[in-house]
Amino acid sequence: MGGSGGIGVRRESGASDSVDVAAALSQLRRASGLPVAFGGLPAGTGRFRIGELAGTATTVLRGLDILRGNGLGGKAVALCRPFAVHDYEVSPVISHEYDAAVAAEGLRSVLAVPVVVRRRVRGVLYGALRQPVRLGDRPLSAAMEAARELEQTLLLREEAARLLAAARPRAREEEGGPPSATAGPAVWEEVREAHGELRALARRVTDPLLRHELLAACGRLAAAGRPGGDRGTGGGALGAGPVLTPREVDVLTQVAAGATNAQAAEWLGLRPETVKGYLRSCMRKLGVHSRMQAVVAARRAGALP
């Protein structure tokens, strides 16, 4: 985390992205039946570096820089579409800057799929066989699906980083702490909007560590408005006040944003009756008798910013 009580994701994005690429390669091999897979992320303008290998016999491909337009992967990146060749070494549709590395690994049939996030190529995935055969629709479709899954994961990480940056305190930014309770309405509106979006994003994240960090950031945002600026790490109420469950906080977050029970239910993937049940529980814990009183009390308790 940055600073005292700062808001951020602890892991470096590069390390997280490498883990995500490795997971995509595992998915690609499993779904396509191809025994070899490898992939790379950006390593500077116009180049991608192979950093993750799966099923390879050597490490000759690791660290290989793929230039935009060169070889099979470079062509896939340049044209932003998948490509496959049934015999890499003699294929007339690609350039052959990487023949030595491909031959050293013994690969013949190879496919490459670009990973595109927000219209920008963020990586390239490969699948390969050691025999010169034409790859059918199944392996190509599987590789494309693995690339789409990776795109969504990287997009979630980028969105998380954007929201965390937006949630960084403005009123006391020079001190590295959360915004004070006396911050202006515009600042608090931004904080509350970011809090709601972060909680929504956390529900979509499959990485448990990233989800925990997003919810921890939500907890610090919520705590920022408490007297004394207490800083907590959870998603519910803090300190000696009533403890709300994560789902109760989710419901109150939607209510605070002006959602009806039906809208909150749709957003949270719940039934309207379930939302009502959570609201009743919140009001009982907080000792209030209306939805908006519950929101006010939750803010005072540190469950909402």
C-alpha atoms as a PDB file:
ATOM      1  CA  MET A   1       0.000   0.000   0.000  1.00  0.00           C
ATOM      2  CA  GLY A   2       1.186   3.518  -0.646  1.00  0.00           C
ATOM      3  CA  GLY A   3       1.565   5.973   2.220  1.00  0.00           C
ATOM      4  CA  SER A   4      -0.147   5.950   5.580  1.00  0.00           C
ATOM      5  CA  GLY A   5      -3.617   4.603   5.023  1.00  0.00           C
ATOM      6  CA  GLY A   6      -3.322   5.060   1.266  1.00  0.00           C
ATOM      7  CA  ILE A   7      -5.514   3.148  -1.139  1.00  0.00           C
ATOM      8  CA  GLY A   8      -3.995   0.794  -3.694  1.00  0.00           C
ATOM      9  CA  VAL A   9      -3.468  -2.765  -4.833  1.00  0.00           C
ATOM     10  CA  ARG A  10      -0.471  -4.308  -3.100  1.00  0.00           C
ATOM     11  CA  ARG A  11       0.816  -6.542  -5.854  1.00  0.00           C
ATOM     12  CA  GLU A  12       2.685  -5.103  -8.787  1.00  0.00           C
ATOM     13  CA  SER A  13       0.553  -5.298 -11.901  1.00  0.00           C
ATOM     14  CA  GLY A  14       3.308  -7.101 -13.809  1.00  0.00           C
ATOM     15  CA  ALA A  15       3.339  -9.998 -11.365  1.00  0.00           C
ATOM     16  CA  SER A  16      -0.450 -10.195 -11.361  1.00  0.00           C
ATOM     17  CA  ASP A  17      -0.611 -10.083 -15.154  1.00  0.00           C
ATOM     18  CA  SER A  18       1.918 -12.929 -15.421  1.00  0.00           C
ATOM     19  CA  VAL A  19      -0.234 -15.072 -13.149  1.00  0.00           C
ATOM     20  CA  ASP A  20      -3.242 -14.267 -15.326  1.00  0.00           C
ATOM     21  CA  VAL A  21      -1.356 -15.197 -18.510  1.00  0.00           C
ATOM     22  CA  ALA A  22      -0.329 -18.518 -16.960  1.00  0.00           C
ATOM     23  CA  ALA A  23      -3.970 -19.231 -16.101  1.00  0.00           C
ATOM     24  CA  ALA A  24      -5.020 -18.385 -19.677  1.00  0.00           C
ATOM     25  CA  LEU A  25      -2.403 -20.775 -21.075  1.00  0.00           C
ATOM     26  CA  SER A  26      -3.650 -23.542 -18.810  1.00  0.00           C
ATOM     27  CA  GLN A  27      -7.190 -22.920 -20.040  1.00  0.00           C
ATOM     28  CA  LEU A  28      -6.017 -22.865 -23.662  1.00  0.00           C
ATOM     29  CA  ARG A  29      -4.256 -26.249 -23.380  1.00  0.00           C
ATOM     30  CA  ARG A  30      -7.141 -27.836 -21.520  1.00  0.00           C
ATOM     31  CA  ALA A  31      -9.860 -26.667 -23.925  1.00  0.00           C
ATOM     32  CA  SER A  32      -7.949 -26.959 -27.220  1.00  0.00           C
ATOM     33  CA  GLY A  33      -6.081 -30.199 -26.693  1.00  0.00           C
ATOM     34  CA  LEU A  34      -2.878 -28.517 -27.851  1.00  0.00           C
ATOM     35  CA  PRO A  35       0.060 -29.743 -25.744  1.00  0.00           C
ATOM     36  CA  VAL A  36       2.116 -26.553 -25.917  1.00  0.00           C
ATOM     37  CA  ALA A  37       1.102 -23.002 -25.087  1.00  0.00           C
ATOM     38  CA  PHE A  38       3.019 -19.821 -24.388  1.00  0.00           C
ATOM     39  CA  GLY A  39       2.248 -16.148 -24.168  1.00  0.00           C
ATOM     40  CA  GLY A  40       3.607 -12.667 -23.775  1.00  0.00           C
ATOM     41  CA  LEU A  41       2.776  -9.181 -22.574  1.00  0.00           C
ATOM     42  CA  PRO A  42       3.991  -5.756 -23.788  1.00  0.00           C
ATOM     43  CA  ALA A  43       7.709  -5.105 -23.329  1.00  0.00           C
ATOM     44  CA  GLY A  44       7.911  -1.638 -24.825  1.00  0.00           C
ATOM     45  CA  THR A  45       6.474   0.063 -27.875  1.00  0.00           C
ATOM     46  CA  GLY A  46       5.694  -2.392 -30.645  1.00  0.00           C
ATOM     47  CA  ARG A  47       7.092  -5.460 -28.904  1.00  0.00           C
ATOM     48  CA  PHE A  48       5.809  -8.289 -26.716  1.00  0.00           C
ATOM     49  CA  ARG A  49       7.947 -10.575 -24.581  1.00  0.00           C
ATOM     50  CA  ILE A  50       7.188 -14.272 -24.149  1.00  0.00           C
ATOM     51  CA  GLY A  51       7.152 -14.709 -20.397  1.00  0.00           C
ATOM     52  CA  GLU A  52       4.975 -17.726 -19.668  1.00  0.00           C
ATOM     53  CA  LEU A  53       5.409 -21.277 -21.006  1.00  0.00           C
ATOM     54  CA  ALA A  54       3.216 -24.351 -20.611  1.00  0.00           C
ATOM     55  CA  GLY A  55       4.038 -27.807 -21.935  1.00  0.00           C
ATOM     56  CA  THR A  56       7.331 -26.784 -23.523  1.00  0.00           C
ATOM     57  CA  ALA A  57      10.369 -29.072 -23.558  1.00  0.00           C
ATOM     58  CA  THR A  58      12.885 -26.216 -23.341  1.00  0.00           C
ATOM     59  CA  THR A  59      12.998 -22.622 -22.162  1.00  0.00           C
ATOM     60  CA  VAL A  60      14.243 -21.278 -25.486  1.00  0.00           C
ATOM     61  CA  LEU A  61      11.044 -19.294 -26.071  1.00  0.00           C
ATOM     62  CA  ARG A  62      11.089 -17.567 -22.675  1.00  0.00           C
ATOM     63  CA  GLY A  63      12.212 -13.966 -22.956  1.00  0.00           C
ATOM     64  CA  LEU A  64      11.811 -13.891 -26.744  1.00  0.00           C
ATOM     65  CA  ASP A  65      10.769 -10.434 -27.937  1.00  0.00           C
ATOM     66  CA  ILE A  66       8.050 -10.495 -30.593  1.00  0.00           C
ATOM     67  CA  LEU A  67       8.089  -7.373 -32.741  1.00  0.00           C
ATOM     68  CA  ARG A  68       4.853  -6.085 -34.189  1.00  0.00           C
ATOM     69  CA  GLY A  69       4.415  -7.558 -37.670  1.00  0.00           C
ATOM     70  CA  ASN A  70       7.172 -10.161 -37.323  1.00  0.00           C
ATOM     71  CA  GLY A  71       6.470 -13.860 -37.282  1.00  0.00           C
ATOM     72  CA  LEU A  72       3.085 -15.403 -36.548  1.00  0.00           C
ATOM     73  CA  GLY A  73       2.468 -13.593 -33.258  1.00  0.00           C
ATOM     74  CA  GLY A  74       3.670 -10.271 -34.603  1.00  0.00           C
ATOM     75  CA  LYS A  75       1.272 -10.615 -37.529  1.00  0.00           C
ATOM     76  CA  ALA A  76      -1.616 -11.441 -35.187  1.00  0.00           C
ATOM     77  CA  VAL A  77      -0.758  -8.349 -33.133  1.00  0.00           C
ATOM     78  CA  ALA A  78      -0.393  -6.062 -36.149  1.00  0.00           C
ATOM     79  CA  LEU A  79      -3.680  -7.142 -37.740  1.00  0.00           C
ATOM     80  CA  CYS A  80      -5.448  -7.650 -34.392  1.00  0.00           C
ATOM     81  CA  ARG A  81      -6.822 -11.058 -35.381  1.00  0.00           C
ATOM     82  CA  PRO A  82      -5.946 -14.743 -34.857  1.00  0.00           C
ATOM     83  CA  PHE A  83      -3.675 -16.591 -37.263  1.00  0.00           C
ATOM     84  CA  ALA A  84      -2.580 -20.199 -37.615  1.00  0.00           C
ATOM     85  CA  VAL A  85      -0.014 -22.027 -39.757  1.00  0.00           C
ATOM     86  CA  HIS A  86       0.196 -25.785 -40.227  1.00  0.00           C
ATOM     87  CA  ASP A  87       3.983 -25.865 -40.701  1.00  0.00           C
ATOM     88  CA  TYR A  88       5.704 -22.856 -39.201  1.00  0.00           C
ATOM     89  CA  GLU A  89       9.130 -23.253 -40.776  1.00  0.00           C
ATOM     90  CA  VAL A  90       7.937 -23.256 -44.393  1.00  0.00           C
ATOM     91  CA  SER A  91       4.808 -21.115 -44.123  1.00  0.00           C
ATOM     92  CA  PRO A  92       4.704 -18.484 -46.884  1.00  0.00           C
ATOM     93  CA  VAL A  93       2.257 -16.191 -45.014  1.00  0.00           C
ATOM     94  CA  ILE A  94       4.579 -15.094 -42.195  1.00  0.00           C
ATOM     95  CA  SER A  95       8.095 -13.735 -41.833  1.00  0.00           C
ATOM     96  CA  HIS A  96      10.671 -16.035 -40.287  1.00  0.00           C
ATOM     97  CA  GLU A  97      12.682 -14.077 -37.739  1.00  0.00           C
ATOM     98  CA  TYR A  98      11.937 -16.661 -35.021  1.00  0.00           C
ATOM     99  CA  ASP A  99      12.473 -19.898 -36.924  1.00  0.00           C
ATOM    100  CA  ALA A 100      15.494 -20.930 -34.847  1.00  0.00           C
ATOM    101  CA  ALA A 101      13.631 -20.682 -31.525  1.00  0.00           C
ATOM    102  CA  VAL A 102      10.532 -22.403 -32.902  1.00  0.00           C
ATOM    103  CA  ALA A 103      12.650 -25.203 -34.395  1.00  0.00           C
ATOM    104  CA  ALA A 104      14.608 -25.617 -31.143  1.00  0.00           C
ATOM    105  CA  GLU A 105      11.330 -26.269 -29.347  1.00  0.00           C
ATOM    106  CA  GLY A 106      10.261 -28.623 -32.145  1.00  0.00           C
ATOM    107  CA  LEU A 107       7.032 -26.816 -33.008  1.00  0.00           C
ATOM    108  CA  ARG A 108       5.325 -27.175 -36.371  1.00  0.00           C
ATOM    109  CA  SER A 109       1.625 -26.253 -36.258  1.00  0.00           C
ATOM    110  CA  VAL A 110       1.172 -22.982 -34.372  1.00  0.00           C
ATOM    111  CA  LEU A 111      -1.660 -20.539 -33.771  1.00  0.00           C
ATOM    112  CA  ALA A 112      -1.494 -17.050 -32.272  1.00  0.00           C
ATOM    113  CA  VAL A 113      -4.300 -14.948 -30.807  1.00  0.00           C
ATOM    114  CA  PRO A 114      -3.979 -11.291 -29.754  1.00  0.00           C
ATOM    115  CA  VAL A 115      -5.284 -10.164 -26.362  1.00  0.00           C
ATOM    116  CA  VAL A 116      -7.098  -6.851 -26.838  1.00  0.00           C
ATOM    117  CA  VAL A 117      -8.227  -4.569 -24.011  1.00  0.00           C
ATOM    118  CA  ARG A 118      -9.935  -1.265 -24.778  1.00  0.00           C
ATOM    119  CA  ARG A 119      -8.914  -1.583 -28.440  1.00  0.00           C
ATOM    120  CA  ARG A 120      -5.263  -1.932 -27.486  1.00  0.00           C
ATOM    121  CA  VAL A 121      -3.301  -5.165 -27.867  1.00  0.00           C
ATOM    122  CA  ARG A 122      -2.159  -6.171 -24.397  1.00  0.00           C
ATOM    123  CA  GLY A 123      -0.612  -9.525 -25.202  1.00  0.00           C
ATOM    124  CA  VAL A 124      -0.483 -12.555 -27.441  1.00  0.00           C
ATOM    125  CA  LEU A 125      -1.250 -16.217 -26.725  1.00  0.00           C
ATOM    126  CA  TYR A 126       0.097 -19.163 -28.704  1.00  0.00           C
ATOM    127  CA  GLY A 127      -0.889 -22.813 -28.967  1.00  0.00           C
ATOM    128  CA  ALA A 128       1.183 -25.386 -30.810  1.00  0.00           C
ATOM    129  CA  LEU A 129       1.686 -28.984 -31.933  1.00  0.00           C
ATOM    130  CA  ARG A 130       4.907 -30.761 -32.787  1.00  0.00           C
ATOM    131  CA  GLN A 131       3.340 -32.236 -35.924  1.00  0.00           C
ATOM    132  CA  PRO A 132       2.588 -30.384 -39.190  1.00  0.00           C
ATOM    133  CA  VAL A 133      -1.208 -30.673 -39.302  1.00  0.00           C
ATOM    134  CA  ARG A 134      -3.919 -28.181 -40.109  1.00  0.00           C
ATOM    135  CA  LEU A 135      -5.523 -26.894 -36.935  1.00  0.00           C
ATOM    136  CA  GLY A 136      -9.303 -27.093 -36.969  1.00  0.00           C
ATOM    137  CA  ASP A 137     -11.943 -24.827 -35.489  1.00  0.00           C
ATOM    138  CA  ARG A 138     -11.791 -26.340 -32.002  1.00  0.00           C
ATOM    139  CA  PRO A 139      -8.266 -25.278 -31.024  1.00  0.00           C
ATOM    140  CA  LEU A 140      -8.658 -21.858 -32.596  1.00  0.00           C
ATOM    141  CA  SER A 141     -11.984 -21.274 -30.835  1.00  0.00           C
ATOM    142  CA  ALA A 142     -10.498 -22.451 -27.548  1.00  0.00           C
ATOM    143  CA  ALA A 143      -7.540 -20.108 -27.932  1.00  0.00           C
ATOM    144  CA  MET A 144      -9.841 -17.195 -28.713  1.00  0.00           C
ATOM    145  CA  GLU A 145     -11.956 -17.985 -25.656  1.00  0.00           C
ATOM    146  CA  ALA A 146      -8.840 -18.096 -23.455  1.00  0.00           C
ATOM    147  CA  ALA A 147      -7.802 -14.728 -24.877  1.00  0.00           C
ATOM    148  CA  ARG A 148     -11.276 -13.281 -24.166  1.00  0.00           C
ATOM    149  CA  GLU A 149     -11.115 -14.517 -20.576  1.00  0.00           C
ATOM    150  CA  LEU A 150      -7.699 -12.931 -20.158  1.00  0.00           C
ATOM    151  CA  GLU A 151      -8.972  -9.704 -21.693  1.00  0.00           C
ATOM    152  CA  GLN A 152     -11.774  -9.557 -19.124  1.00  0.00           C
ATOM    153  CA  THR A 153      -9.351 -10.220 -16.280  1.00  0.00           C
ATOM    154  CA  LEU A 154      -6.956  -7.500 -17.431  1.00  0.00           C
ATOM    155  CA  LEU A 155      -9.885  -5.136 -17.959  1.00  0.00           C
ATOM    156  CA  LEU A 156     -11.061  -5.749 -14.392  1.00  0.00           C
ATOM    157  CA  ARG A 157      -7.581  -5.007 -13.097  1.00  0.00           C
ATOM    158  CA  GLU A 158      -7.410  -1.784 -15.105  1.00  0.00           C
ATOM    159  CA  GLU A 159     -10.859  -0.766 -13.901  1.00  0.00           C
ATOM    160  CA  ALA A 160      -9.879  -1.544 -10.324  1.00  0.00           C
ATOM    161  CA  ALA A 161      -6.751   0.589 -10.674  1.00  0.00           C
ATOM    162  CA  ARG A 162      -8.795   3.433 -12.186  1.00  0.00           C
ATOM    163  CA  LEU A 163     -11.368   3.355  -9.411  1.00  0.00           C
ATOM    164  CA  LEU A 164      -8.745   3.109  -6.702  1.00  0.00           C
ATOM    165  CA  ALA A 165      -6.972   6.120  -8.205  1.00  0.00           C
ATOM    166  CA  ALA A 166     -10.266   8.026  -8.396  1.00  0.00           C
ATOM    167  CA  ALA A 167     -10.922   7.192  -4.762  1.00  0.00           C
ATOM    168  CA  ARG A 168      -7.617   8.591  -3.584  1.00  0.00           C
ATOM    169  CA  PRO A 169      -8.215  11.424  -1.131  1.00  0.00           C
ATOM    170  CA  ARG A 170      -8.231  14.922  -2.496  1.00  0.00           C
ATOM    171  CA  ALA A 171      -8.954  17.013   0.543  1.00  0.00           C
ATOM    172  CA  ARG A 172      -5.822  15.769   2.347  1.00  0.00           C
ATOM    173  CA  GLU A 173      -3.870  14.302  -0.542  1.00  0.00           C
ATOM    174  CA  GLU A 174      -0.668  16.022   0.525  1.00  0.00           C
ATOM    175  CA  GLU A 175      -0.822  14.122   3.840  1.00  0.00           C
ATOM    176  CA  GLY A 176      -1.461  10.729   2.265  1.00  0.00           C
ATOM    177  CA  GLY A 177      -4.612  10.240   4.359  1.00  0.00           C
ATOM    178  CA  PRO A 178      -8.311   9.906   3.570  1.00  0.00           C
ATOM    179  CA  PRO A 179     -10.488  12.939   2.923  1.00  0.00           C
ATOM    180  CA  SER A 180     -11.628  14.592   6.114  1.00  0.00           C
ATOM    181  CA  ALA A 181     -15.240  14.575   7.230  1.00  0.00           C
ATOM    182  CA  THR A 182     -15.347  18.278   6.348  1.00  0.00           C
ATOM    183  CA  ALA A 183     -14.440  17.721   2.691  1.00  0.00           C
ATOM    184  CA  GLY A 184     -16.709  19.434   0.209  1.00  0.00           C
ATOM    185  CA  PRO A 185     -19.844  17.780  -1.220  1.00  0.00           C
ATOM    186  CA  ALA A 186     -18.244  17.307  -4.644  1.00  0.00           C
ATOM    187  CA  VAL A 187     -15.340  15.367  -3.106  1.00  0.00           C
ATOM    188  CA  TRP A 188     -17.654  13.161  -1.097  1.00  0.00           C
ATOM    189  CA  GLU A 189     -19.861  12.528  -4.103  1.00  0.00           C
ATOM    190  CA  GLU A 190     -16.794  11.251  -5.986  1.00  0.00           C
ATOM    191  CA  VAL A 191     -15.733   9.121  -3.034  1.00  0.00           C
ATOM    192  CA  ARG A 192     -19.198   7.612  -2.640  1.00  0.00           C
ATOM    193  CA  GLU A 193     -19.480   6.903  -6.348  1.00  0.00           C
ATOM    194  CA  ALA A 194     -16.067   5.232  -6.361  1.00  0.00           C
ATOM    195  CA  HIS A 195     -17.019   3.223  -3.259  1.00  0.00           C
ATOM    196  CA  GLY A 196     -20.133   1.859  -4.970  1.00  0.00           C
ATOM    197  CA  GLU A 197     -18.272   1.017  -8.165  1.00  0.00           C
ATOM    198  CA  LEU A 198     -15.472  -0.688  -6.230  1.00  0.00           C
ATOM    199  CA  ARG A 199     -17.948  -2.882  -4.347  1.00  0.00           C
ATOM    200  CA  ALA A 200     -19.659  -3.781  -7.618  1.00  0.00           C
ATOM    201  CA  LEU A 201     -16.311  -4.565  -9.224  1.00  0.00           C
ATOM    202  CA  ALA A 202     -15.245  -6.724  -6.273  1.00  0.00           C
ATOM    203  CA  ARG A 203     -18.185  -9.035  -6.920  1.00  0.00           C
ATOM    204  CA  ARG A 204     -16.902  -9.700 -10.440  1.00  0.00           C
ATOM    205  CA  VAL A 205     -13.282 -10.364  -9.493  1.00  0.00           C
ATOM    206  CA  THR A 206     -12.316 -14.039  -9.268  1.00  0.00           C
ATOM    207  CA  ASP A 207      -8.877 -13.407  -7.769  1.00  0.00           C
ATOM    208  CA  PRO A 208      -9.474 -13.670  -3.982  1.00  0.00           C
ATOM    209  CA  LEU A 209      -6.504 -11.476  -3.079  1.00  0.00           C
ATOM    210  CA  LEU A 210      -7.551  -8.700  -5.451  1.00  0.00           C
ATOM    211  CA  ARG A 211     -11.146  -8.964  -4.195  1.00  0.00           C
ATOM    212  CA  HIS A 212      -9.924  -8.647  -0.604  1.00  0.00           C
ATOM    213  CA  GLU A 213      -7.849  -5.601  -1.501  1.00  0.00           C
ATOM    214  CA  LEU A 214     -10.775  -3.922  -3.268  1.00  0.00           C
ATOM    215  CA  LEU A 215     -13.044  -4.506  -0.280  1.00  0.00           C
ATOM    216  CA  ALA A 216     -10.308  -3.263   2.030  1.00  0.00           C
ATOM    217  CA  ALA A 217     -10.141  -0.069  -0.028  1.00  0.00           C
ATOM    218  CA  CYS A 218     -13.921   0.227   0.317  1.00  0.00           C
ATOM    219  CA  GLY A 219     -13.533  -0.101   4.071  1.00  0.00           C
ATOM    220  CA  ARG A 220     -10.986   2.708   4.180  1.00  0.00           C
ATOM    221  CA  LEU A 221     -13.201   4.950   2.073  1.00  0.00           C
ATOM    222  CA  ALA A 222     -16.134   4.233   4.355  1.00  0.00           C
ATOM    223  CA  ALA A 223     -14.044   4.921   7.467  1.00  0.00           C
ATOM    224  CA  ALA A 224     -12.817   8.252   6.123  1.00  0.00           C
ATOM    225  CA  GLY A 225     -15.988  10.058   7.156  1.00  0.00           C
ATOM    226  CA  ARG A 226     -16.033   8.838  10.736  1.00  0.00           C
ATOM    227  CA  PRO A 227     -15.089  11.214  13.508  1.00  0.00           C
ATOM    228  CA  GLY A 228     -11.339  10.980  13.927  1.00  0.00           C
ATOM    229  CA  GLY A 229     -10.947   9.420  10.485  1.00  0.00           C
ATOM    230  CA  ASP A 230     -10.699   5.812  11.720  1.00  0.00           C
ATOM    231  CA  ARG A 231      -9.311   3.503   9.067  1.00  0.00           C
ATOM    232  CA  GLY A 232     -10.511  -0.003   8.767  1.00  0.00           C
ATOM    233  CA  THR A 233      -9.927  -2.843   6.344  1.00  0.00           C
ATOM    234  CA  GLY A 234     -13.272  -4.543   6.054  1.00  0.00           C
ATOM    235  CA  GLY A 235     -16.371  -3.978   3.985  1.00  0.00           C
ATOM    236  CA  GLY A 236     -18.796  -3.571   6.897  1.00  0.00           C
ATOM    237  CA  ALA A 237     -19.266  -1.229   9.819  1.00  0.00           C
ATOM    238  CA  LEU A 238     -16.193  -0.450  11.867  1.00  0.00           C
ATOM    239  CA  GLY A 239     -15.212   0.158  15.433  1.00  0.00           C
ATOM    240  CA  ALA A 240     -17.715  -0.407  18.240  1.00  0.00           C
ATOM    241  CA  GLY A 241     -20.765   0.172  16.057  1.00  0.00           C
ATOM    242  CA  PRO A 242     -23.067  -2.510  14.625  1.00  0.00           C
ATOM    243  CA  VAL A 243     -21.382  -4.947  12.274  1.00  0.00           C
ATOM    244  CA  LEU A 244     -23.070  -5.186   8.883  1.00  0.00           C
ATOM    245  CA  THR A 245     -22.449  -8.126   6.587  1.00  0.00           C
ATOM    246  CA  PRO A 246     -20.893  -7.504   3.143  1.00  0.00           C
ATOM    247  CA  ARG A 247     -24.262  -8.136   1.479  1.00  0.00           C
ATOM    248  CA  GLU A 248     -25.991  -5.684   3.798  1.00  0.00           C
ATOM    249  CA  VAL A 249     -23.396  -3.071   2.887  1.00  0.00           C
ATOM    250  CA  ASP A 250     -23.930  -3.860  -0.808  1.00  0.00           C
ATOM    251  CA  VAL A 251     -27.668  -3.263  -0.406  1.00  0.00           C
ATOM    252  CA  LEU A 252     -27.176  -0.014   1.508  1.00  0.00           C
ATOM    253  CA  THR A 253     -24.679   1.146  -1.114  1.00  0.00           C
ATOM    254  CA  GLN A 254     -27.359   0.727  -3.762  1.00  0.00           C
ATOM    255  CA  VAL A 255     -29.976   2.471  -1.614  1.00  0.00           C
ATOM    256  CA  ALA A 256     -27.563   5.355  -1.010  1.00  0.00           C
ATOM    257  CA  ALA A 257     -27.193   5.688  -4.791  1.00  0.00           C
ATOM    258  CA  GLY A 258     -30.977   6.035  -5.126  1.00  0.00           C
ATOM    259  CA  ALA A 259     -31.810   2.515  -6.312  1.00  0.00           C
ATOM    260  CA  THR A 260     -35.202   0.999  -5.639  1.00  0.00           C
ATOM    261  CA  ASN A 261     -35.423  -2.471  -4.128  1.00  0.00           C
ATOM    262  CA  ALA A 262     -36.051  -3.914  -7.588  1.00  0.00           C
ATOM    263  CA  GLN A 263     -33.081  -2.060  -9.083  1.00  0.00           C
ATOM    264  CA  ALA A 264     -30.813  -3.109  -6.215  1.00  0.00           C
ATOM    265  CA  ALA A 265     -31.957  -6.701  -6.631  1.00  0.00           C
ATOM    266  CA  GLU A 266     -31.175  -6.676 -10.348  1.00  0.00           C
ATOM    267  CA  TRP A 267     -27.761  -5.082  -9.797  1.00  0.00           C
ATOM    268  CA  LEU A 268     -26.819  -7.498  -7.026  1.00  0.00           C
ATOM    269  CA  GLY A 269     -28.297 -10.607  -8.610  1.00  0.00           C
ATOM    270  CA  LEU A 270     -30.813 -11.059  -5.797  1.00  0.00           C
ATOM    271  CA  ARG A 271     -34.591 -11.311  -5.491  1.00  0.00           C
ATOM    272  CA  PRO A 272     -36.425  -8.130  -4.380  1.00  0.00           C
ATOM    273  CA  GLU A 273     -37.695 -10.002  -1.311  1.00  0.00           C
ATOM    274  CA  THR A 274     -34.093 -10.814  -0.385  1.00  0.00           C
ATOM    275  CA  VAL A 275     -33.130  -7.152  -0.692  1.00  0.00           C
ATOM    276  CA  LYS A 276     -36.036  -6.249   1.610  1.00  0.00           C
ATOM    277  CA  GLY A 277     -34.789  -8.828   4.088  1.00  0.00           C
ATOM    278  CA  TYR A 278     -31.301  -7.324   4.082  1.00  0.00           C
ATOM    279  CA  LEU A 279     -32.764  -3.848   4.561  1.00  0.00           C
ATOM    280  CA  ARG A 280     -34.840  -4.998   7.516  1.00  0.00           C
ATOM    281  CA  SER A 281     -31.751  -6.536   9.051  1.00  0.00           C
ATOM    282  CA  CYS A 282     -29.764  -3.316   8.492  1.00  0.00           C
ATOM    283  CA  MET A 283     -32.487  -1.176  10.070  1.00  0.00           C
ATOM    284  CA  ARG A 284     -32.713  -3.500  13.068  1.00  0.00           C
ATOM    285  CA  LYS A 285     -28.951  -3.461  13.629  1.00  0.00           C
ATOM    286  CA  LEU A 286     -28.722   0.298  13.166  1.00  0.00           C
ATOM    287  CA  GLY A 287     -31.818   1.064  15.274  1.00  0.00           C
ATOM    288  CA  VAL A 288     -33.669   3.012  12.579  1.00  0.00           C
ATOM    289  CA  HIS A 289     -37.005   2.727  10.813  1.00  0.00           C
ATOM    290  CA  SER A 290     -36.460   3.791   7.185  1.00  0.00           C
ATOM    291  CA  ARG A 291     -34.162   3.152   4.268  1.00  0.00           C
ATOM    292  CA  MET A 292     -32.552   6.576   4.263  1.00  0.00           C
ATOM    293  CA  GLN A 293     -32.171   6.601   8.039  1.00  0.00           C
ATOM    294  CA  ALA A 294     -30.281   3.349   7.595  1.00  0.00           C
ATOM    295  CA  VAL A 295     -27.963   4.989   5.049  1.00  0.00           C
ATOM    296  CA  VAL A 296     -27.288   7.932   7.390  1.00  0.00           C
ATOM    297  CA  ALA A 297     -26.669   5.629  10.340  1.00  0.00           C
ATOM    298  CA  ALA A 298     -24.395   3.378   8.256  1.00  0.00           C
ATOM    299  CA  ARG A 299     -22.318   6.401   7.288  1.00  0.00           C
ATOM    300  CA  ARG A 300     -22.009   7.435  10.907  1.00  0.00           C
ATOM    301  CA  ALA A 301     -20.999   3.883  11.802  1.00  0.00           C
ATOM    302  CA  GLY A 302     -18.336   3.830   9.101  1.00  0.00           C
ATOM    303  CA  ALA A 303     -19.976   1.250   6.835  1.00  0.00           C
ATOM    304  CA  LEU A 304     -20.530   3.759   4.006  1.00  0.00           C
ATOM    305  CA  PRO A 305     -18.598   6.892   3.023  1.00  0.00           C
END
